[in-house]
Amino acid sequence: MQTEPQRSRAVFSTEDFALMKEAVAEHVKRVADDPRSVKFAHLYHRLGRIAS
């Protein structure tokens, strides 16, 4: 008899994503001159899609 694998539980809530987006936005401002700022800006936009 095969059993169905249990469904994964969400680690973060929608509110968590909104908070992370806010934190990343502040960080992007601080690292604006760093080449990695582009990666943080992309993360910010991905978090926005999730939190919507």
Foldseek 3Di string as FASTA:
>chain_A
DDDDDDDDDDPDDLVRLVVVLVVLVVVLVVCVVPPCSVVSVVVSVVSVVSSD
